[in-house]
Amino acid sequence: MTISAVSGCARESSTEVEALAERTAKSLGCSNFKDEFFDGLYSALEGGAWPAHADFSAAIRKRLAGARNLSISAGAQTALADRLSSVYEILSVEALAGVSPYDRTAALEILTALELGDRTTDEKARIQERLAERFEQIERDSGGRNSACAPDRAAPLVSMAAARDLAFLG
């Protein structure tokens, strides 16, 4: 019951999901991709509720189709979009299970712990293993690790430190 609330929430967050998809697409192939991805998640949360998985999946597919930083085939684009969608689904459905899509503090706390490698329970360790596998596949699919890419300063972002402060102040 709660899973459907998390995965089917917040149609009004289209701006946040578009910004997340754009940031994700631009940072593919960068050595700091994972950091950029999580920073994008924090920014999306700051804008409102957690964007629905289906919305992110559609937005990332659209962005990858027009990505200029990737020189990969259409089939590879599809596989990459599937892997990115899978990461988002793991976070939405598994990691944030039982969390209201509007509870930004709880979501920030969970996401920050995951980004820092929290393995304090068997479930968290399993989620970490699945995320690590997906991020490795994304790295391979997007052409490996190039130099660190500068974050897009046009979009507002919440640094990891700020996200941690927000998550643990609540």
Protein backbone atom coordinates (compact mmCIF):
# COMPACT_ATOMS: atom_id res chain seq x y z
CA MET A 1 0.00 0.00 0.00
CA THR A 2 2.73 2.48 0.97
CA ILE A 3 4.88 1.42 -1.97
CA SER A 4 2.25 2.61 -4.41
CA ALA A 5 2.09 5.93 -2.58
CA VAL A 6 5.84 6.40 -2.94
CA SER A 7 6.10 5.21 -6.51
CA GLY A 8 3.01 6.99 -7.82
CA CYS A 9 3.30 10.39 -6.19
CA ALA A 10 3.74 13.98 -7.13
CA ARG A 11 2.77 14.64 -10.71
CA GLU A 12 3.25 18.31 -9.86
CA SER A 13 7.01 17.77 -9.54
CA SER A 14 7.65 17.80 -13.30
CA THR A 15 10.17 20.63 -13.02
CA GLU A 16 12.18 18.72 -10.43
CA VAL A 17 12.12 15.45 -12.37
CA GLU A 18 13.17 17.22 -15.58
CA ALA A 19 16.05 18.93 -13.76
CA LEU A 20 17.09 15.59 -12.24
CA ALA A 21 17.00 13.86 -15.62
CA GLU A 22 18.99 16.67 -17.24
CA ARG A 23 21.62 16.65 -14.51
CA THR A 24 21.84 12.87 -14.66
CA ALA A 25 22.28 12.82 -18.44
CA LYS A 26 24.92 15.57 -18.36
CA SER A 27 26.99 13.83 -15.70
CA LEU A 28 27.09 10.39 -17.34
CA GLY A 29 30.68 9.34 -17.99
CA CYS A 30 32.01 11.66 -15.29
CA SER A 31 34.09 10.25 -12.47
CA ASN A 32 31.76 12.01 -10.03
CA PHE A 33 28.56 10.65 -11.58
CA LYS A 34 27.26 9.04 -8.40
CA ASP A 35 27.78 12.27 -6.42
CA GLU A 36 26.04 14.28 -9.13
CA PHE A 37 23.15 11.81 -9.20
CA PHE A 38 22.62 12.01 -5.45
CA ASP A 39 22.97 15.81 -5.47
CA GLY A 40 20.26 15.84 -8.15
CA LEU A 41 18.05 13.72 -5.91
CA TYR A 42 18.56 16.14 -3.02
CA SER A 43 17.66 19.08 -5.29
CA ALA A 44 14.51 17.29 -6.47
CA LEU A 45 13.47 16.72 -2.86
CA GLU A 46 14.04 20.37 -2.03
CA GLY A 47 11.57 21.25 -4.78
CA GLY A 48 8.78 19.20 -3.26
CA ALA A 49 7.70 15.59 -3.07
CA TRP A 50 9.71 12.64 -4.34
CA PRO A 51 9.11 12.37 -8.11
CA ALA A 52 7.33 9.22 -9.27
CA HIS A 53 9.46 6.44 -10.77
CA ALA A 54 7.48 6.47 -14.03
CA ASP A 55 8.08 10.22 -14.38
CA PHE A 56 11.84 9.84 -13.88
CA SER A 57 11.99 6.89 -16.26
CA ALA A 58 10.23 8.83 -19.03
CA ALA A 59 12.31 11.97 -18.43
CA ILE A 60 15.66 10.15 -18.47
CA ARG A 61 14.77 8.32 -21.69
CA LYS A 62 13.92 11.66 -23.31
CA ARG A 63 17.14 13.29 -22.05
CA LEU A 64 19.38 10.43 -23.17
CA ALA A 65 17.93 10.63 -26.65
CA GLY A 66 19.32 14.17 -26.89
CA ALA A 67 22.48 13.76 -24.80
CA ARG A 68 25.52 15.22 -26.50
CA ASN A 69 28.05 13.92 -23.99
CA LEU A 70 27.43 10.29 -25.00
CA SER A 71 28.44 8.64 -28.22
CA ILE A 72 26.59 5.35 -27.90
CA SER A 73 24.14 3.43 -30.03
CA ALA A 74 20.37 3.61 -29.62
CA GLY A 75 20.42 0.13 -28.08
CA ALA A 76 23.06 1.20 -25.58
CA GLN A 77 20.98 4.30 -24.77
CA THR A 78 18.01 2.08 -24.01
CA ALA A 79 20.11 -0.18 -21.77
CA LEU A 80 21.56 2.85 -19.98
CA ALA A 81 18.09 4.33 -19.45
CA ASP A 82 16.92 0.97 -18.07
CA ARG A 83 19.82 0.88 -15.59
CA LEU A 84 19.22 4.48 -14.47
CA SER A 85 15.54 3.74 -14.08
CA SER A 86 16.46 0.66 -12.05
CA VAL A 87 18.59 2.73 -9.65
CA TYR A 88 15.72 5.15 -9.19
CA GLU A 89 13.31 2.26 -8.65
CA ILE A 90 15.57 0.70 -6.00
CA LEU A 91 15.62 4.02 -4.19
CA SER A 92 11.90 4.74 -4.64
CA VAL A 93 10.40 1.34 -3.96
CA GLU A 94 12.90 -0.37 -1.67
CA ALA A 95 14.94 2.24 0.17
CA LEU A 96 12.07 4.66 0.70
CA ALA A 97 9.40 2.01 1.36
CA GLY A 98 7.12 3.21 4.10
CA VAL A 99 8.21 6.87 3.76
CA SER A 100 5.62 9.41 2.67
CA PRO A 101 6.61 11.02 -0.64
CA TYR A 102 6.14 14.36 1.11
CA ASP A 103 8.40 13.58 4.10
CA ARG A 104 11.55 15.24 2.79
CA THR A 105 13.42 14.95 6.09
CA ALA A 106 13.04 11.17 6.27
CA ALA A 107 13.88 10.78 2.58
CA LEU A 108 17.01 12.95 2.91
CA GLU A 109 18.14 10.95 5.93
CA ILE A 110 17.74 7.64 4.09
CA LEU A 111 19.35 8.86 0.87
CA THR A 112 22.29 10.41 2.70
CA ALA A 113 22.89 7.19 4.61
CA LEU A 114 22.77 5.22 1.36
CA GLU A 115 25.17 7.58 -0.36
CA LEU A 116 27.58 7.19 2.55
CA GLY A 117 27.39 3.38 2.27
CA ASP A 118 25.09 2.45 5.18
CA ARG A 119 25.08 -1.33 5.66
CA THR A 120 23.74 -1.43 9.21
CA THR A 121 21.04 -4.01 8.39
CA ASP A 122 20.85 -6.94 6.00
CA GLU A 123 18.28 -5.05 3.91
CA LYS A 124 20.49 -1.96 3.67
CA ALA A 125 23.48 -4.11 2.72
CA ARG A 126 21.42 -5.79 -0.01
CA ILE A 127 20.29 -2.40 -1.34
CA GLN A 128 23.91 -1.19 -1.29
CA GLU A 129 25.03 -4.23 -3.29
CA ARG A 130 22.32 -3.71 -5.89
CA LEU A 131 23.09 0.02 -6.18
CA ALA A 132 26.83 -0.62 -6.50
CA GLU A 133 26.18 -3.16 -9.26
CA ARG A 134 23.90 -0.73 -11.14
CA PHE A 135 26.35 2.18 -10.79
CA GLU A 136 29.17 -0.02 -12.13
CA GLN A 137 26.99 -1.00 -15.10
CA ILE A 138 26.09 2.64 -15.71
CA GLU A 139 29.77 3.57 -15.65
CA ARG A 140 30.56 0.90 -18.24
CA ASP A 141 27.54 1.77 -20.40
CA SER A 142 28.35 5.48 -20.42
CA GLY A 143 31.96 5.13 -21.47
CA GLY A 144 33.80 4.74 -18.19
CA ARG A 145 35.17 7.33 -15.83
CA ASN A 146 36.34 10.53 -17.41
CA SER A 147 37.48 13.53 -15.43
CA ALA A 148 35.19 14.97 -12.79
CA CYS A 149 32.55 17.13 -14.40
CA ALA A 150 31.56 20.43 -12.89
CA PRO A 151 28.03 20.50 -11.52
CA ASP A 152 25.47 22.50 -13.45
CA ARG A 153 25.37 25.75 -11.53
CA ALA A 154 22.26 26.94 -13.37
CA ALA A 155 20.12 24.50 -11.40
CA PRO A 156 19.84 24.95 -7.64
CA LEU A 157 21.53 22.16 -5.75
CA VAL A 158 21.87 21.04 -2.21
CA SER A 159 25.34 19.87 -1.33
CA MET A 160 25.80 16.53 0.35
CA ALA A 161 26.83 18.32 3.56
CA ALA A 162 23.68 20.45 3.51
CA ALA A 163 21.55 17.39 2.82
CA ARG A 164 23.12 15.62 5.79
CA ASP A 165 22.49 18.65 8.00
CA LEU A 166 18.87 18.84 6.85
CA ALA A 167 18.33 15.11 7.26
CA PHE A 168 19.73 14.89 10.76
CA LEU A 169 18.28 18.15 12.12
CA GLY A 170 14.69 16.97 11.67
